[in-house]
């Protein structure tokens, strides 16, 4: 049998370095497993789905490319493609430089610098067909499904026919909602298609266009050609359904920073048999842990101010936008657990009423005829559930009538509850704590100011990846509520974990502050923020005197934020209002 793995990679900004380290170790382990297989073994592990949001989307696309077309670039602790992208190549000086096509009025940093990195690591090797395409990586599936979480600033309409009131009465109208959460999905094979990858790179730049830091990116979309992203999801045709329409995209993490649900959507296109669901595993990679953000102390009373209320409202809206995608997994898993409990209850009821089995069996057949009237999948569902639930010697000893009636009842409960083919998702979540990260400050941008910080977080990501591998090795024989662990056959990571942990401790960067990073880089970023602020105020026709007031009022705050030294005149330190 083949075990299939899907990766879901969250947004992370400069903490893409952490994700790069994690995914390097996981892929290395999967590759080692496949190399250790005896000839003619069917226990291969393959990667067939990669989804990502923001920085995670960029990494997902990069890894997909290397799996299919450039497998050597997945090797080497400090020479693999993800390390080169997130540790070596991305830095503040490059982001502050100007590149042709940059829209300086809508961003602080250079979007085309990011595009140049993507071109260097992806498209350049295919130019002029100078380099023969190697065989895919030994973990690559024949077809890889790539999903990028996008935020569509134009929006796409979804319409529902309804009856609406008018002066004459009830007329047919449209109930319209506009959706701004979007996605770009692609099916990739080992046949490199230049146009497809040009669009993917553009989509990645839009997926990672952090608001204000980078300009939104333009991407042409077609309702028919991209029906898997629009028509199949109930969107209304745009541009007559046949013509391209330019949409502008910003950071996909704004609406969906935890793309596990997107990965699940893509696996649903692949998995169809009981074995597929049984042998499906997910790796969810994020530097940010999922902790409670509930605030039991918030209250509104006579002493409350508008500021605190507004801040709590903003936090509520922000976190609610990140709830549904993650909890989609928990909801399915909880329903599966409920189904398991009801299945056991049903067996007890049937066993206590043996004399009624014939009647119940006939009634179940009638219900199944109604539920599967237009579907031919009943036999597969029955066999899948029989295999899933008849797992003990006691179950095997049940009479044929009792066992068949019982499984029919489970099929009915599953089908009527919309849980057909929805097995518990076996998800390995690889995360860490904010205090362990070096690049967490400045909304995750701090790592761009100092390569040492990125090296630290990359190594931390590697450690977390190895720890997950070691956990699987130590527990792969245990059956838990979510099923068996991935049957990895690799060497222990314990010694390597200890070695890497010692290196990490020696770096002593887990509690880094703004003042600890390169001063020239801080100064350069401060100057860029001031420059862009002045430009934006000018673009909005703000008067000269108001502009000066705003710039003066913000100066002290920004200098304190970036830890810029106090200015002196005639060797006298100037007061805060001047700085």
Protein backbone atom coordinates (compact mmCIF):
# COMPACT_ATOMS: atom_id res chain seq x y z
CA UNK A 1 0.00 0.00 0.00
CA UNK A 2 1.05 3.61 -0.55
CA UNK A 3 0.91 6.14 2.25
CA UNK A 4 0.03 9.66 1.16
CA UNK A 5 1.14 12.85 2.86
CA UNK A 6 -0.29 16.36 2.61
CA UNK A 7 1.49 19.47 3.87
CA UNK A 8 -0.33 22.58 5.11
CA UNK A 9 1.99 25.53 5.78
CA UNK A 10 0.75 28.66 7.54
CA UNK A 11 1.69 32.29 7.08
CA UNK A 12 4.85 33.31 8.89
CA UNK A 13 6.57 36.38 7.31
CA UNK A 14 10.31 36.02 8.13
CA UNK A 15 9.45 32.95 10.21
CA UNK A 16 9.32 31.17 6.88
CA UNK A 17 12.83 30.21 8.00
CA UNK A 18 11.32 28.08 10.79
CA UNK A 19 8.98 26.40 8.31
CA UNK A 20 11.88 25.80 5.92
CA UNK A 21 13.79 23.92 8.63
CA UNK A 22 10.78 21.85 9.60
CA UNK A 23 9.84 20.77 6.09
CA UNK A 24 13.49 19.95 5.30
CA UNK A 25 13.60 17.43 8.15
CA UNK A 26 10.21 15.89 7.38
CA UNK A 27 10.98 15.39 3.70
CA UNK A 28 14.41 14.01 4.60
CA UNK A 29 12.75 11.44 6.86
CA UNK A 30 10.20 10.45 4.22
CA UNK A 31 12.98 10.12 1.64
CA UNK A 32 15.06 7.95 3.98
CA UNK A 33 12.03 5.71 4.56
CA UNK A 34 11.56 5.16 0.83
CA UNK A 35 15.28 4.43 0.34
CA UNK A 36 15.15 1.82 3.12
CA UNK A 37 12.30 -0.11 1.52
CA UNK A 38 13.11 -3.56 0.17
CA UNK A 39 12.55 -4.20 -3.52
CA UNK A 40 8.92 -4.60 -4.60
CA UNK A 41 7.69 -3.10 -1.32
CA UNK A 42 4.33 -1.34 -1.41
CA UNK A 43 4.94 0.75 1.71
CA UNK A 44 6.15 3.84 -0.13
CA UNK A 45 5.33 7.27 1.31
CA UNK A 46 4.58 9.96 -1.23
CA UNK A 47 3.75 13.68 -1.06
CA UNK A 48 0.76 14.58 -3.22
CA UNK A 49 -0.66 17.78 -1.66
CA UNK A 50 0.93 21.06 -0.59
CA UNK A 51 -1.14 24.01 0.61
CA UNK A 52 0.00 27.30 2.06
CA UNK A 53 -0.94 30.79 3.13
CA UNK A 54 1.26 33.86 2.85
CA UNK A 55 4.90 32.80 3.36
CA UNK A 56 3.67 29.22 3.60
CA UNK A 57 2.21 29.48 0.10
CA UNK A 58 5.58 30.54 -1.28
CA UNK A 59 7.26 27.61 0.46
CA UNK A 60 4.58 25.17 -0.73
CA UNK A 61 5.13 26.17 -4.36
CA UNK A 62 8.91 26.02 -4.02
CA UNK A 63 8.79 22.54 -2.48
CA UNK A 64 6.34 21.30 -5.14
CA UNK A 65 8.72 22.49 -7.86
CA UNK A 66 11.72 20.76 -6.31
CA UNK A 67 9.82 17.51 -5.75
CA UNK A 68 8.93 17.29 -9.42
CA UNK A 69 11.79 18.94 -11.30
CA UNK A 70 14.83 19.59 -9.11
CA UNK A 71 15.08 16.96 -6.36
CA UNK A 72 18.75 17.65 -5.55
CA UNK A 73 17.66 21.04 -4.15
CA UNK A 74 15.82 19.29 -1.31
CA UNK A 75 19.12 17.95 0.04
CA UNK A 76 21.69 19.55 2.32
CA UNK A 77 21.04 21.16 5.71
CA UNK A 78 22.23 24.56 4.49
CA UNK A 79 22.06 24.15 0.72
CA UNK A 80 18.44 23.11 0.12
CA UNK A 81 16.11 25.46 -1.76
CA UNK A 82 14.01 26.47 1.25
CA UNK A 83 17.14 27.41 3.23
CA UNK A 84 18.44 29.47 0.31
CA UNK A 85 15.09 31.27 -0.03
CA UNK A 86 14.31 31.99 3.62
CA UNK A 87 17.74 32.25 5.24
CA UNK A 88 20.23 33.32 2.59
CA UNK A 89 18.37 35.36 -0.01
CA UNK A 90 15.63 37.27 1.85
CA UNK A 91 17.04 40.24 3.76
CA UNK A 92 16.07 43.81 4.49
CA UNK A 93 18.60 45.40 2.13
CA UNK A 94 17.15 43.49 -0.81
CA UNK A 95 13.60 44.27 0.31
CA UNK A 96 14.43 47.98 0.56
CA UNK A 97 16.08 48.10 -2.86
CA UNK A 98 14.14 49.26 -5.90
CA UNK A 99 13.36 46.86 -8.73
CA UNK A 100 11.63 47.58 -12.02
CA UNK A 101 7.88 47.31 -11.65
CA UNK A 102 7.73 48.15 -7.95
CA UNK A 103 4.80 50.36 -6.94
CA UNK A 104 6.41 52.61 -4.38
CA UNK A 105 3.17 54.40 -3.57
CA UNK A 106 1.45 51.26 -2.32
CA UNK A 107 4.17 49.44 -0.42
CA UNK A 108 7.10 49.81 1.93
CA UNK A 109 9.16 47.03 0.42
CA UNK A 110 10.01 45.62 -2.98
CA UNK A 111 7.60 42.98 -4.27
CA UNK A 112 9.80 42.36 -7.30
CA UNK A 113 12.75 41.47 -5.11
CA UNK A 114 10.67 38.55 -3.84
CA UNK A 115 9.77 37.72 -7.43
CA UNK A 116 13.45 37.72 -8.38
CA UNK A 117 14.17 35.15 -5.65
CA UNK A 118 11.38 32.96 -7.02
CA UNK A 119 12.77 33.27 -10.53
CA UNK A 120 16.29 32.41 -9.36
CA UNK A 121 15.11 29.29 -7.56
CA UNK A 122 12.38 28.12 -9.93
CA UNK A 123 12.08 29.38 -13.50
CA UNK A 124 15.73 30.16 -14.32
CA UNK A 125 16.77 26.50 -14.44
CA UNK A 126 14.25 25.84 -17.21
CA UNK A 127 15.26 28.69 -19.52
CA UNK A 128 16.45 27.60 -22.96
CA UNK A 129 16.14 23.98 -21.80
CA UNK A 130 19.82 24.06 -20.94
CA UNK A 131 19.47 21.71 -17.97
CA UNK A 132 17.89 18.29 -18.53
CA UNK A 133 15.00 17.59 -16.22
CA UNK A 134 15.99 14.98 -13.62
CA UNK A 135 13.70 12.27 -12.32
CA UNK A 136 11.29 13.43 -9.59
CA UNK A 137 12.20 13.18 -5.92
CA UNK A 138 11.65 9.73 -4.42
CA UNK A 139 8.79 11.09 -2.28
CA UNK A 140 6.96 12.86 -5.13
CA UNK A 141 3.60 11.56 -6.29
CA UNK A 142 2.97 11.36 -10.03
CA UNK A 143 0.65 14.33 -9.63
CA UNK A 144 1.00 17.00 -6.94
CA UNK A 145 -1.91 19.24 -5.99
CA UNK A 146 -0.85 22.75 -4.98
CA UNK A 147 -3.19 25.10 -3.10
CA UNK A 148 -2.55 28.76 -2.27
CA UNK A 149 -4.79 30.70 0.10
CA UNK A 150 -5.53 34.11 -1.46
CA UNK A 151 -7.23 37.35 -0.45
CA UNK A 152 -9.05 38.80 -3.46
CA UNK A 153 -9.39 42.57 -3.12
CA UNK A 154 -11.92 42.72 -5.97
CA UNK A 155 -14.13 39.92 -4.68
CA UNK A 156 -16.21 37.24 -6.41
CA UNK A 157 -20.01 37.13 -6.27
CA UNK A 158 -22.05 34.14 -5.16
CA UNK A 159 -25.74 34.36 -6.12
CA UNK A 160 -28.82 32.43 -5.03
CA UNK A 161 -32.20 32.60 -6.75
CA UNK A 162 -34.85 33.79 -4.27
CA UNK A 163 -38.29 35.38 -4.13
CA UNK A 164 -38.13 39.03 -3.20
CA UNK A 165 -40.80 41.61 -2.45
CA UNK A 166 -41.58 44.40 -4.86
CA UNK A 167 -44.45 46.79 -5.39
CA UNK A 168 -46.26 44.13 -7.40
CA UNK A 169 -45.62 41.31 -4.97
CA UNK A 170 -43.14 38.46 -4.85
CA UNK A 171 -40.75 38.40 -7.80
CA UNK A 172 -37.77 36.21 -8.49
CA UNK A 173 -34.54 37.94 -7.60
CA UNK A 174 -30.99 37.24 -6.52
CA UNK A 175 -29.51 36.96 -3.05
CA UNK A 176 -25.92 38.12 -3.55
CA UNK A 177 -22.90 37.74 -1.33
CA UNK A 178 -19.39 38.78 -2.28
CA UNK A 179 -16.53 36.58 -1.16
CA UNK A 180 -13.02 37.96 -0.76
CA UNK A 181 -11.39 34.79 0.53
CA UNK A 182 -10.08 33.09 -2.58
CA UNK A 183 -7.72 30.33 -3.63
CA UNK A 184 -5.47 29.26 -6.48
CA UNK A 185 -5.11 25.52 -7.02
CA UNK A 186 -3.01 23.74 -9.61
CA UNK A 187 -2.44 20.12 -10.60
CA UNK A 188 1.25 19.58 -11.30
CA UNK A 189 2.95 16.73 -13.13
CA UNK A 190 6.58 16.04 -14.02
CA UNK A 191 5.93 17.83 -17.33
CA UNK A 192 7.09 21.39 -16.69
CA UNK A 193 4.74 24.02 -18.14
CA UNK A 194 6.31 27.47 -18.28
CA UNK A 195 3.05 29.48 -18.34
CA UNK A 196 1.63 27.51 -15.44
CA UNK A 197 4.66 28.23 -13.31
CA UNK A 198 4.75 31.90 -14.28
CA UNK A 199 1.17 32.16 -12.98
CA UNK A 200 2.11 30.23 -9.82
CA UNK A 201 4.98 32.62 -9.06
CA UNK A 202 2.67 35.61 -9.55
CA UNK A 203 0.06 33.95 -7.33
CA UNK A 204 2.71 33.29 -4.68
CA UNK A 205 3.69 36.95 -4.67
CA UNK A 206 0.03 37.87 -4.18
CA UNK A 207 -0.40 35.16 -1.56
CA UNK A 208 2.50 36.67 0.41
CA UNK A 209 1.73 40.36 -0.18
CA UNK A 210 1.56 41.40 3.48
CA UNK A 211 -0.67 44.51 3.72
CA UNK A 212 1.24 47.78 3.30
CA UNK A 213 4.58 45.99 3.28
CA UNK A 214 4.08 44.77 -0.29
CA UNK A 215 1.88 45.89 -3.17
CA UNK A 216 -1.11 43.76 -4.13
CA UNK A 217 -0.38 41.56 -7.14
CA UNK A 218 -2.43 41.33 -10.33
CA UNK A 219 -3.40 37.85 -11.53
CA UNK A 220 -5.66 37.02 -14.48
CA UNK A 221 -8.38 34.53 -13.61
CA UNK A 222 -10.98 32.87 -15.81
CA UNK A 223 -14.30 31.53 -14.60
CA UNK A 224 -14.27 28.63 -17.06
CA UNK A 225 -10.55 27.81 -17.17
CA UNK A 226 -10.33 27.99 -13.38
CA UNK A 227 -13.68 26.34 -12.75
CA UNK A 228 -12.13 24.16 -10.04
CA UNK A 229 -11.70 27.35 -8.01
CA UNK A 230 -14.90 29.14 -9.01
CA UNK A 231 -17.61 27.36 -11.00
CA UNK A 232 -17.39 24.16 -8.94
CA UNK A 233 -17.77 26.19 -5.73
CA UNK A 234 -20.92 28.00 -6.80
CA UNK A 235 -19.42 31.33 -7.85
CA UNK A 236 -21.31 33.44 -10.35
CA UNK A 237 -19.66 33.95 -13.75
CA UNK A 238 -17.50 37.04 -14.08
CA UNK A 239 -16.60 38.66 -17.40
CA UNK A 240 -19.29 36.61 -19.18
CA UNK A 241 -17.70 33.45 -17.92
CA UNK A 242 -15.23 33.17 -20.80
CA UNK A 243 -12.94 36.21 -20.67
CA UNK A 244 -10.04 36.71 -18.28
CA UNK A 245 -10.52 39.14 -15.45
CA UNK A 246 -7.71 40.77 -13.53
CA UNK A 247 -7.99 40.34 -9.79
CA UNK A 248 -5.68 41.99 -7.28
CA UNK A 249 -4.49 39.88 -4.39
CA UNK A 250 -2.95 40.55 -1.01
CA UNK A 251 -1.69 38.27 1.75
CA UNK A 252 -3.76 35.07 1.78
CA UNK A 253 -3.28 34.85 5.53
CA UNK A 254 -5.61 37.80 6.04
CA UNK A 255 -8.62 35.48 5.67
CA UNK A 256 -7.09 32.02 5.91
CA UNK A 257 -3.76 31.77 7.70
CA UNK A 258 -4.20 28.12 8.64
CA UNK A 259 -4.67 26.29 5.30
CA UNK A 260 -5.40 22.85 6.71
CA UNK A 261 -8.94 22.96 5.36
CA UNK A 262 -7.57 23.77 1.90
CA UNK A 263 -5.27 20.74 2.10
CA UNK A 264 -8.29 18.63 3.05
CA UNK A 265 -10.22 19.95 0.05
CA UNK A 266 -7.40 18.90 -2.25
CA UNK A 267 -7.06 15.42 -0.71
CA UNK A 268 -10.78 14.88 -1.30
CA UNK A 269 -10.03 15.00 -5.01
CA UNK A 270 -7.58 12.13 -4.58
CA UNK A 271 -8.86 9.85 -1.82
CA UNK A 272 -11.82 7.62 -2.67
CA UNK A 273 -11.30 4.13 -1.25
CA UNK A 274 -11.15 2.90 2.34
CA UNK A 275 -7.41 2.35 1.95
CA UNK A 276 -6.94 5.93 0.74
CA UNK A 277 -8.53 7.37 3.87
CA UNK A 278 -6.77 4.93 6.15
CA UNK A 279 -3.36 5.77 4.70
CA UNK A 280 -3.71 9.58 4.52
CA UNK A 281 -1.59 11.76 6.82
CA UNK A 282 -1.19 15.52 7.23
CA UNK A 283 1.69 17.67 8.42
CA UNK A 284 0.53 21.09 9.57
CA UNK A 285 3.50 23.45 9.93
CA UNK A 286 3.23 26.77 11.73
CA UNK A 287 5.61 28.71 13.99
CA UNK A 288 2.63 30.11 15.87
CA UNK A 289 0.86 27.81 18.32
CA UNK A 290 -2.90 27.53 18.52
CA UNK A 291 -3.65 28.84 21.99
CA UNK A 292 -6.78 30.27 23.52
CA UNK A 293 -7.28 34.00 22.91
CA UNK A 294 -10.40 34.10 25.06
CA UNK A 295 -10.52 37.16 27.34
CA UNK A 296 -12.67 36.38 30.37
CA UNK A 297 -11.70 39.70 31.98
CA UNK A 298 -13.17 41.93 29.28
CA UNK A 299 -16.24 43.83 30.42
CA UNK A 300 -18.20 46.98 29.64
CA UNK A 301 -19.34 49.17 32.51
CA UNK A 302 -19.60 52.82 33.49
CA UNK A 303 -15.82 53.15 33.63
CA UNK A 304 -15.17 51.58 30.22
CA UNK A 305 -13.68 53.66 27.44
CA UNK A 306 -14.17 53.44 23.69
CA UNK A 307 -10.52 52.51 23.12
CA UNK A 308 -10.67 49.23 25.08
CA UNK A 309 -14.02 48.32 23.53
CA UNK A 310 -12.81 49.04 20.01
CA UNK A 311 -9.62 47.02 20.58
CA UNK A 312 -11.62 44.04 21.80
CA UNK A 313 -13.96 44.31 18.81
CA UNK A 314 -11.00 44.35 16.45
CA UNK A 315 -9.43 41.32 18.18
CA UNK A 316 -12.73 39.44 18.00
CA UNK A 317 -13.09 40.08 14.26
CA UNK A 318 -9.45 39.14 13.65
CA UNK A 319 -9.58 35.84 15.50
CA UNK A 320 -13.02 34.89 14.22
CA UNK A 321 -11.65 35.09 10.69
CA UNK A 322 -9.09 32.46 11.68
CA UNK A 323 -11.46 30.11 13.44
CA UNK A 324 -13.36 28.20 10.84
CA UNK A 325 -10.58 26.75 8.72
CA UNK A 326 -8.79 25.17 11.65
CA UNK A 327 -11.89 24.00 13.47
CA UNK A 328 -13.18 22.33 10.32
CA UNK A 329 -10.85 19.48 11.19
CA UNK A 330 -11.99 19.32 14.80
CA UNK A 331 -15.63 19.31 13.73
CA UNK A 332 -15.19 16.33 11.43
CA UNK A 333 -13.13 14.47 14.01
CA UNK A 334 -15.75 15.08 16.69
CA UNK A 335 -18.51 13.81 14.40
CA UNK A 336 -16.46 10.71 13.66
CA UNK A 337 -16.06 10.10 17.41
CA UNK A 338 -19.83 10.47 17.86
CA UNK A 339 -20.41 7.99 15.05
CA UNK A 340 -18.08 5.51 16.77
CA UNK A 341 -20.03 5.84 20.03
CA UNK A 342 -23.39 5.41 18.30
CA UNK A 343 -22.08 2.38 16.41
CA UNK A 344 -21.24 0.66 19.69
CA UNK A 345 -24.64 1.63 21.12
CA UNK A 346 -26.35 0.20 18.04
CA UNK A 347 -24.49 -3.10 18.37
CA UNK A 348 -25.64 -3.38 21.97
CA UNK A 349 -29.28 -2.69 20.99
CA UNK A 350 -29.19 -5.23 18.16
CA UNK A 351 -27.52 -7.84 20.34
CA UNK A 352 -30.23 -7.40 22.99
CA UNK A 353 -33.02 -7.80 20.43
CA UNK A 354 -31.89 -10.76 18.31
CA UNK A 355 -35.47 -11.78 17.54
CA UNK A 356 -36.02 -8.48 15.70
CA UNK A 357 -32.98 -8.65 13.45
CA UNK A 358 -34.86 -9.75 10.33
CA UNK A 359 -37.33 -6.86 10.68
CA UNK A 360 -34.57 -4.31 11.33
CA UNK A 361 -32.47 -5.64 8.44
CA UNK A 362 -35.38 -5.23 6.03
CA UNK A 363 -36.08 -1.71 7.32
CA UNK A 364 -32.44 -0.77 6.89
CA UNK A 365 -32.52 -2.04 3.29
CA UNK A 366 -35.47 0.27 2.54
CA UNK A 367 -33.65 3.25 4.04
CA UNK A 368 -30.48 2.43 2.11
CA UNK A 369 -32.44 2.28 -1.15
CA UNK A 370 -33.67 5.81 -0.47
CA UNK A 371 -30.26 7.16 0.58
CA UNK A 372 -28.39 5.63 -2.37
CA UNK A 373 -31.08 6.04 -5.03
CA UNK A 374 -28.75 7.94 -7.36
CA UNK A 375 -25.44 6.53 -6.19
CA UNK A 376 -23.64 3.27 -6.73
CA UNK A 377 -21.21 3.68 -3.83
CA UNK A 378 -23.13 1.63 -1.25
CA UNK A 379 -20.99 -1.50 -1.64
CA UNK A 380 -17.77 0.49 -1.17
CA UNK A 381 -19.18 2.27 1.88
CA UNK A 382 -20.33 -1.03 3.40
CA UNK A 383 -16.97 -2.71 2.86
CA UNK A 384 -15.07 0.30 4.17
CA UNK A 385 -17.11 0.50 7.36
CA UNK A 386 -17.06 -3.26 7.87
CA UNK A 387 -13.28 -3.15 7.76
CA UNK A 388 -13.17 -0.14 10.08
CA UNK A 389 -15.54 -1.50 12.76
CA UNK A 390 -15.12 -5.29 12.69
CA UNK A 391 -11.67 -5.13 14.22
CA UNK A 392 -11.80 -7.48 17.21
CA UNK A 393 -12.20 -11.27 17.52
CA UNK A 394 -15.57 -10.63 19.19
CA UNK A 395 -16.74 -8.71 16.13
CA UNK A 396 -15.53 -11.48 13.83
CA UNK A 397 -17.56 -14.01 15.79
CA UNK A 398 -20.86 -12.15 15.29
CA UNK A 399 -23.45 -13.97 13.23
CA UNK A 400 -23.63 -12.99 9.59
CA UNK A 401 -27.10 -11.48 10.04
CA UNK A 402 -26.12 -9.47 13.12
CA UNK A 403 -22.89 -8.20 11.57
CA UNK A 404 -24.57 -7.20 8.29
CA UNK A 405 -27.47 -5.48 10.04
CA UNK A 406 -25.07 -3.64 12.32
CA UNK A 407 -22.87 -2.38 9.47
CA UNK A 408 -25.97 -1.34 7.47
CA UNK A 409 -27.06 0.74 10.46
CA UNK A 410 -23.64 2.43 10.62
CA UNK A 411 -23.80 3.16 6.87
CA UNK A 412 -27.18 4.83 7.39
CA UNK A 413 -25.91 6.96 10.28
CA UNK A 414 -22.80 7.98 8.36
CA UNK A 415 -24.62 8.76 5.13
CA UNK A 416 -27.46 10.70 6.73
CA UNK A 417 -24.96 12.63 8.83
CA UNK A 418 -22.93 13.66 5.78
CA UNK A 419 -19.87 11.79 7.01
CA UNK A 420 -19.43 9.36 4.13
CA UNK A 421 -15.73 9.00 3.36
CA UNK A 422 -14.85 11.40 6.15
CA UNK A 423 -12.36 9.65 8.31
CA UNK A 424 -10.64 11.29 11.25
CA UNK A 425 -7.79 13.38 9.95
CA UNK A 426 -4.42 12.22 11.19
CA UNK A 427 -2.65 15.54 11.60
CA UNK A 428 0.88 16.12 12.89
CA UNK A 429 1.00 19.73 14.07
CA UNK A 430 4.53 21.14 14.20
CA UNK A 431 4.67 24.42 16.06
CA UNK A 432 6.59 26.15 18.81
CA UNK A 433 6.24 28.94 21.35
CA UNK A 434 6.79 32.61 20.61
CA UNK A 435 9.50 32.87 23.28
CA UNK A 436 11.60 30.25 21.49
CA UNK A 437 11.63 32.20 18.23
CA UNK A 438 14.16 34.89 17.38
CA UNK A 439 12.23 36.58 14.56
CA UNK A 440 8.83 36.90 16.19
CA UNK A 441 8.95 40.65 16.95
CA UNK A 442 7.92 43.42 14.55
CA UNK A 443 4.93 41.31 13.45
CA UNK A 444 7.29 38.58 12.28
CA UNK A 445 9.45 40.92 10.17
CA UNK A 446 12.39 41.09 12.58
CA UNK A 447 14.16 38.15 10.95
CA UNK A 448 14.56 40.12 7.72
CA UNK A 449 16.86 42.53 9.58
CA UNK A 450 19.45 39.94 10.60
CA UNK A 451 20.48 36.66 9.00
CA UNK A 452 21.55 35.29 12.38
CA UNK A 453 17.93 35.36 13.54
CA UNK A 454 16.81 33.44 10.47
CA UNK A 455 19.55 30.86 11.03
CA UNK A 456 18.34 30.42 14.61
CA UNK A 457 14.71 29.89 13.63
CA UNK A 458 15.65 27.57 10.78
CA UNK A 459 17.59 25.39 13.22
CA UNK A 460 14.65 25.52 15.66
CA UNK A 461 12.34 24.37 12.86
CA UNK A 462 14.69 21.48 12.10
CA UNK A 463 14.64 20.44 15.76
CA UNK A 464 10.83 20.50 15.88
CA UNK A 465 10.67 18.47 12.67
CA UNK A 466 13.10 15.87 14.04
CA UNK A 467 11.15 15.72 17.30
CA UNK A 468 7.99 14.82 15.41
CA UNK A 469 9.89 12.12 13.49
CA UNK A 470 11.25 10.72 16.76
CA UNK A 471 7.77 10.76 18.30
CA UNK A 472 6.42 8.75 15.36
CA UNK A 473 9.26 6.23 15.73
CA UNK A 474 8.53 5.82 19.44
CA UNK A 475 4.76 5.48 19.07
CA UNK A 476 4.09 4.09 15.60
CA UNK A 477 2.93 0.78 17.05
CA UNK A 478 0.28 2.41 19.21
CA UNK A 479 -3.29 2.83 17.98
CA UNK A 480 -4.87 6.02 19.22
CA UNK A 481 -8.23 7.68 18.61
CA UNK A 482 -7.05 9.09 15.31
CA UNK A 483 -5.60 5.80 14.08
CA UNK A 484 -2.10 4.42 13.63
CA UNK A 485 0.95 6.59 13.22
CA UNK A 486 2.74 6.88 9.90
CA UNK A 487 4.88 3.69 9.69
CA UNK A 488 8.25 5.42 9.28
CA UNK A 489 11.28 3.17 8.86
CA UNK A 490 14.18 5.54 9.57
CA UNK A 491 17.01 5.85 12.06
CA UNK A 492 16.47 7.53 15.40
CA UNK A 493 16.82 11.32 15.48
CA UNK A 494 17.66 11.46 19.19
CA UNK A 495 21.39 12.14 18.82
CA UNK A 496 20.85 14.73 16.09
CA UNK A 497 18.21 16.47 18.21
CA UNK A 498 20.64 16.75 21.12
CA UNK A 499 23.38 18.08 18.87
CA UNK A 500 21.12 20.67 17.20
CA UNK A 501 19.67 21.74 20.56
CA UNK A 502 23.17 22.39 21.88
CA UNK A 503 23.90 24.52 18.81
CA UNK A 504 20.67 26.44 19.32
CA UNK A 505 21.41 27.15 22.98
CA UNK A 506 24.88 28.36 22.05
CA UNK A 507 23.35 30.94 19.71
CA UNK A 508 21.43 32.45 22.67
CA UNK A 509 18.89 34.28 20.52
CA UNK A 510 15.55 33.12 21.91
CA UNK A 511 14.96 36.40 23.79
CA UNK A 512 16.23 38.80 21.15
CA UNK A 513 15.08 42.42 21.16
CA UNK A 514 14.99 45.10 18.49
CA UNK A 515 18.20 46.66 19.82
CA UNK A 516 20.03 43.36 19.28
CA UNK A 517 19.74 43.41 15.49
CA UNK A 518 21.91 45.26 12.99
CA UNK A 519 21.68 49.02 13.62
CA UNK A 520 22.22 50.04 9.97
CA UNK A 521 19.30 47.83 8.94
CA UNK A 522 17.07 49.33 11.61
CA UNK A 523 18.04 52.79 10.48
CA UNK A 524 17.35 51.92 6.83
CA UNK A 525 13.89 50.53 7.64
CA UNK A 526 13.09 53.55 9.80
CA UNK A 527 14.07 55.87 6.95
CA UNK A 528 11.92 53.92 4.50
CA UNK A 529 8.85 54.13 6.76
CA UNK A 530 9.33 57.88 7.15
CA UNK A 531 9.85 58.31 3.39
CA UNK A 532 6.70 56.35 2.51
CA UNK A 533 4.61 58.15 5.15
CA UNK A 534 5.54 61.49 3.63
CA UNK A 535 4.73 60.18 0.14
CA UNK A 536 1.34 58.82 1.21
CA UNK A 537 0.41 62.09 2.88
CA UNK A 538 1.38 63.97 -0.28
CA UNK A 539 -0.68 61.57 -2.43
CA UNK A 540 -3.72 62.30 -0.23
CA UNK A 541 -3.20 66.07 -0.66
CA UNK A 542 -2.66 66.60 3.05
CA UNK A 543 -1.60 70.19 3.68
CA UNK A 544 2.03 71.00 4.36
CA UNK A 545 1.41 72.09 7.93
CA UNK A 546 -0.64 68.95 8.76
CA UNK A 547 2.03 66.80 7.14
CA UNK A 548 4.73 68.35 9.29
CA UNK A 549 2.61 67.83 12.39
CA UNK A 550 1.98 64.16 11.60
CA UNK A 551 5.62 63.52 10.76
CA UNK A 552 6.79 65.23 13.95
CA UNK A 553 4.24 63.41 16.10
CA UNK A 554 5.20 60.00 14.67
CA UNK A 555 8.96 60.55 14.78
CA UNK A 556 9.46 59.77 18.45
CA UNK A 557 7.22 56.68 18.29
CA UNK A 558 9.04 55.26 15.28
CA UNK A 559 12.50 55.93 16.72
CA UNK A 560 11.52 54.19 19.93
CA UNK A 561 10.03 51.28 17.96
CA UNK A 562 13.20 50.77 15.91
CA UNK A 563 15.54 51.65 18.80
CA UNK A 564 17.13 54.51 16.84
CA UNK A 565 19.63 56.60 18.78
CA UNK A 566 18.53 59.96 20.11
CA UNK A 567 19.54 62.94 18.03
CA UNK A 568 21.79 65.57 19.46
CA UNK A 569 22.28 69.26 18.62
CA UNK A 570 25.37 71.03 19.99
CA UNK A 571 26.07 67.87 22.04
CA UNK A 572 22.76 68.25 23.85
CA UNK A 573 20.29 65.34 23.84
CA UNK A 574 17.02 66.62 22.40
CA UNK A 575 13.73 65.97 24.18
CA UNK A 576 11.35 63.21 23.09
CA UNK A 577 8.99 65.58 21.28
CA UNK A 578 11.82 66.52 18.91
CA UNK A 579 13.23 63.08 18.22
